[in-house]
Amino acid sequence: MPFKKLEMKGFIEKKDDEHKQKNKKTLSHRKKGKKVFPFIKRENDYSNSVALAGLSGEETETIFYLLQRVRKNVEKDWEFVKKGNKRKLLIDKRSAILK
């Protein structure tokens, strides 16, 4: 859930940075957020253990590294589109036929 949505639902609070750094905000949990945190943490830990079951420590590190790279690729593309730019879609003959 994006920070804005968490803030709107009352789970977190955004405050100006104590050191008055420009455009810097501090996030802190609110009572509602603190209450649900243990549940969310348990769910997250469980989901991670299921997803990574049977993988070695090295495999876990590798998949984490690769997913971070994938995320960077997607973020670059999303930022490009978010600024109003159009993607150059790669369309092969099979994709064109499906239209």
C-alpha atoms as a PDB file:
ATOM      1  CA  MET A   1       0.000   0.000   0.000  1.00  0.00           C
ATOM      2  CA  PRO A   2       1.549   3.353  -0.977  1.00  0.00           C
ATOM      3  CA  PHE A   3       2.433   5.777   1.820  1.00  0.00           C
ATOM      4  CA  LYS A   4      -0.279   8.254   0.837  1.00  0.00           C
ATOM      5  CA  LYS A   5      -2.953   5.595   1.192  1.00  0.00           C
ATOM      6  CA  LEU A   6      -1.541   4.441   4.554  1.00  0.00           C
ATOM      7  CA  GLU A   7      -1.604   8.043   5.708  1.00  0.00           C
ATOM      8  CA  MET A   8      -5.188   8.578   4.509  1.00  0.00           C
ATOM      9  CA  LYS A   9      -6.331   5.419   6.321  1.00  0.00           C
ATOM     10  CA  GLY A  10      -4.713   6.600   9.565  1.00  0.00           C
ATOM     11  CA  PHE A  11      -1.900   4.033   9.826  1.00  0.00           C
ATOM     12  CA  ILE A  12       1.003   6.466   9.498  1.00  0.00           C
ATOM     13  CA  GLU A  13       1.647  10.163   9.881  1.00  0.00           C
ATOM     14  CA  LYS A  14       3.926  12.311   7.746  1.00  0.00           C
ATOM     15  CA  LYS A  15       5.737  15.184   9.451  1.00  0.00           C
ATOM     16  CA  ASP A  16       8.292  17.753   8.354  1.00  0.00           C
ATOM     17  CA  ASP A  17      11.877  16.677   8.985  1.00  0.00           C
ATOM     18  CA  GLU A  18      13.161  17.808  12.388  1.00  0.00           C
ATOM     19  CA  HIS A  19      16.380  19.070  10.795  1.00  0.00           C
ATOM     20  CA  LYS A  20      14.398  21.249   8.364  1.00  0.00           C
ATOM     21  CA  GLN A  21      15.842  19.590   5.290  1.00  0.00           C
ATOM     22  CA  LYS A  22      13.985  20.766   2.210  1.00  0.00           C
ATOM     23  CA  ASN A  23      11.425  18.297   0.860  1.00  0.00           C
ATOM     24  CA  LYS A  24      12.217  15.749   3.583  1.00  0.00           C
ATOM     25  CA  LYS A  25       9.476  14.153   5.634  1.00  0.00           C
ATOM     26  CA  THR A  26       9.530  11.816   8.600  1.00  0.00           C
ATOM     27  CA  LEU A  27       7.070   8.935   8.732  1.00  0.00           C
ATOM     28  CA  SER A  28       5.796   7.675  12.053  1.00  0.00           C
ATOM     29  CA  HIS A  29       3.130   5.169  12.958  1.00  0.00           C
ATOM     30  CA  ARG A  30      -0.123   6.181  14.506  1.00  0.00           C
ATOM     31  CA  LYS A  31      -1.997   4.188  17.134  1.00  0.00           C
ATOM     32  CA  LYS A  32      -3.934   2.308  14.443  1.00  0.00           C
ATOM     33  CA  GLY A  33      -0.698   1.412  12.623  1.00  0.00           C
ATOM     34  CA  LYS A  34       1.029   0.236  15.781  1.00  0.00           C
ATOM     35  CA  LYS A  35      -1.934  -2.005  16.571  1.00  0.00           C
ATOM     36  CA  VAL A  36      -1.872  -3.886  13.229  1.00  0.00           C
ATOM     37  CA  PHE A  37       1.922  -4.011  12.839  1.00  0.00           C
ATOM     38  CA  PRO A  38       2.456  -7.373  14.649  1.00  0.00           C
ATOM     39  CA  PHE A  39      -0.174  -9.027  12.434  1.00  0.00           C
ATOM     40  CA  ILE A  40       1.306  -7.567   9.243  1.00  0.00           C
ATOM     41  CA  LYS A  41       4.834  -8.575  10.325  1.00  0.00           C
ATOM     42  CA  ARG A  42       3.739 -12.180  11.019  1.00  0.00           C
ATOM     43  CA  GLU A  43       1.939 -12.380   7.673  1.00  0.00           C
ATOM     44  CA  ASN A  44       4.963 -10.961   5.848  1.00  0.00           C
ATOM     45  CA  ASP A  45       7.380 -13.345   7.585  1.00  0.00           C
ATOM     46  CA  TYR A  46       5.138 -16.314   6.813  1.00  0.00           C
ATOM     47  CA  SER A  47       4.737 -15.315   3.151  1.00  0.00           C
ATOM     48  CA  ASN A  48       8.500 -14.939   2.806  1.00  0.00           C
ATOM     49  CA  SER A  49       9.139 -18.359   4.345  1.00  0.00           C
ATOM     50  CA  VAL A  50       6.632 -19.978   1.960  1.00  0.00           C
ATOM     51  CA  ALA A  51       8.056 -18.168  -1.077  1.00  0.00           C
ATOM     52  CA  LEU A  52      11.666 -19.011  -0.217  1.00  0.00           C
ATOM     53  CA  ALA A  53      11.115 -22.592   1.000  1.00  0.00           C
ATOM     54  CA  GLY A  54      13.765 -24.959  -0.298  1.00  0.00           C
ATOM     55  CA  LEU A  55      16.107 -22.198  -1.466  1.00  0.00           C
ATOM     56  CA  SER A  56      19.629 -21.973  -0.103  1.00  0.00           C
ATOM     57  CA  GLY A  57      20.940 -18.766   1.426  1.00  0.00           C
ATOM     58  CA  GLU A  58      22.884 -18.099  -1.756  1.00  0.00           C
ATOM     59  CA  GLU A  59      19.798 -18.676  -3.917  1.00  0.00           C
ATOM     60  CA  THR A  60      17.788 -16.345  -1.690  1.00  0.00           C
ATOM     61  CA  GLU A  61      20.421 -13.624  -2.078  1.00  0.00           C
ATOM     62  CA  THR A  62      20.510 -14.156  -5.842  1.00  0.00           C
ATOM     63  CA  ILE A  63      16.747 -13.911  -6.252  1.00  0.00           C
ATOM     64  CA  PHE A  64      16.659 -10.801  -4.053  1.00  0.00           C
ATOM     65  CA  TYR A  65      19.385  -9.176  -6.175  1.00  0.00           C
ATOM     66  CA  LEU A  66      17.616 -10.073  -9.432  1.00  0.00           C
ATOM     67  CA  LEU A  67      14.256  -8.801  -8.204  1.00  0.00           C
ATOM     68  CA  GLN A  68      15.881  -5.506  -7.219  1.00  0.00           C
ATOM     69  CA  ARG A  69      17.241  -5.181 -10.759  1.00  0.00           C
ATOM     70  CA  VAL A  70      13.817  -5.956 -12.226  1.00  0.00           C
ATOM     71  CA  ARG A  71      12.266  -3.353  -9.931  1.00  0.00           C
ATOM     72  CA  LYS A  72      14.752  -0.706 -11.112  1.00  0.00           C
ATOM     73  CA  ASN A  73      13.895  -1.486 -14.735  1.00  0.00           C
ATOM     74  CA  VAL A  74      10.173  -1.180 -14.071  1.00  0.00           C
ATOM     75  CA  GLU A  75      10.620   2.021 -12.041  1.00  0.00           C
ATOM     76  CA  LYS A  76      12.563   3.689 -14.873  1.00  0.00           C
ATOM     77  CA  ASP A  77       9.814   2.800 -17.330  1.00  0.00           C
ATOM     78  CA  TRP A  78       7.056   3.912 -14.953  1.00  0.00           C
ATOM     79  CA  GLU A  79       8.738   7.275 -14.289  1.00  0.00           C
ATOM     80  CA  PHE A  80       9.054   7.771 -18.058  1.00  0.00           C
ATOM     81  CA  VAL A  81       5.340   7.072 -18.625  1.00  0.00           C
ATOM     82  CA  LYS A  82       4.256   9.028 -15.533  1.00  0.00           C
ATOM     83  CA  LYS A  83       5.854  12.146 -17.036  1.00  0.00           C
ATOM     84  CA  GLY A  84       3.492  11.835 -19.996  1.00  0.00           C
ATOM     85  CA  ASN A  85       5.871  10.066 -22.354  1.00  0.00           C
ATOM     86  CA  LYS A  86       4.738   7.262 -24.616  1.00  0.00           C
ATOM     87  CA  ARG A  87       6.395   3.865 -24.626  1.00  0.00           C
ATOM     88  CA  LYS A  88       7.817   2.377 -27.790  1.00  0.00           C
ATOM     89  CA  LEU A  89       6.103  -0.981 -27.637  1.00  0.00           C
ATOM     90  CA  LEU A  90       7.840  -3.907 -29.210  1.00  0.00           C
ATOM     91  CA  ILE A  91       5.226  -5.720 -31.232  1.00  0.00           C
ATOM     92  CA  ASP A  92       6.019  -8.875 -33.088  1.00  0.00           C
ATOM     93  CA  LYS A  93       3.868 -10.381 -35.832  1.00  0.00           C
ATOM     94  CA  ARG A  94       2.055 -12.732 -33.433  1.00  0.00           C
ATOM     95  CA  SER A  95       1.027  -9.849 -31.158  1.00  0.00           C
ATOM     96  CA  ALA A  96      -0.279  -7.847 -34.123  1.00  0.00           C
ATOM     97  CA  ILE A  97      -2.398 -10.805 -35.221  1.00  0.00           C
ATOM     98  CA  LEU A  98      -4.068 -11.027 -31.799  1.00  0.00           C
ATOM     99  CA  LYS A  99      -5.463  -7.494 -32.111  1.00  0.00           C
END
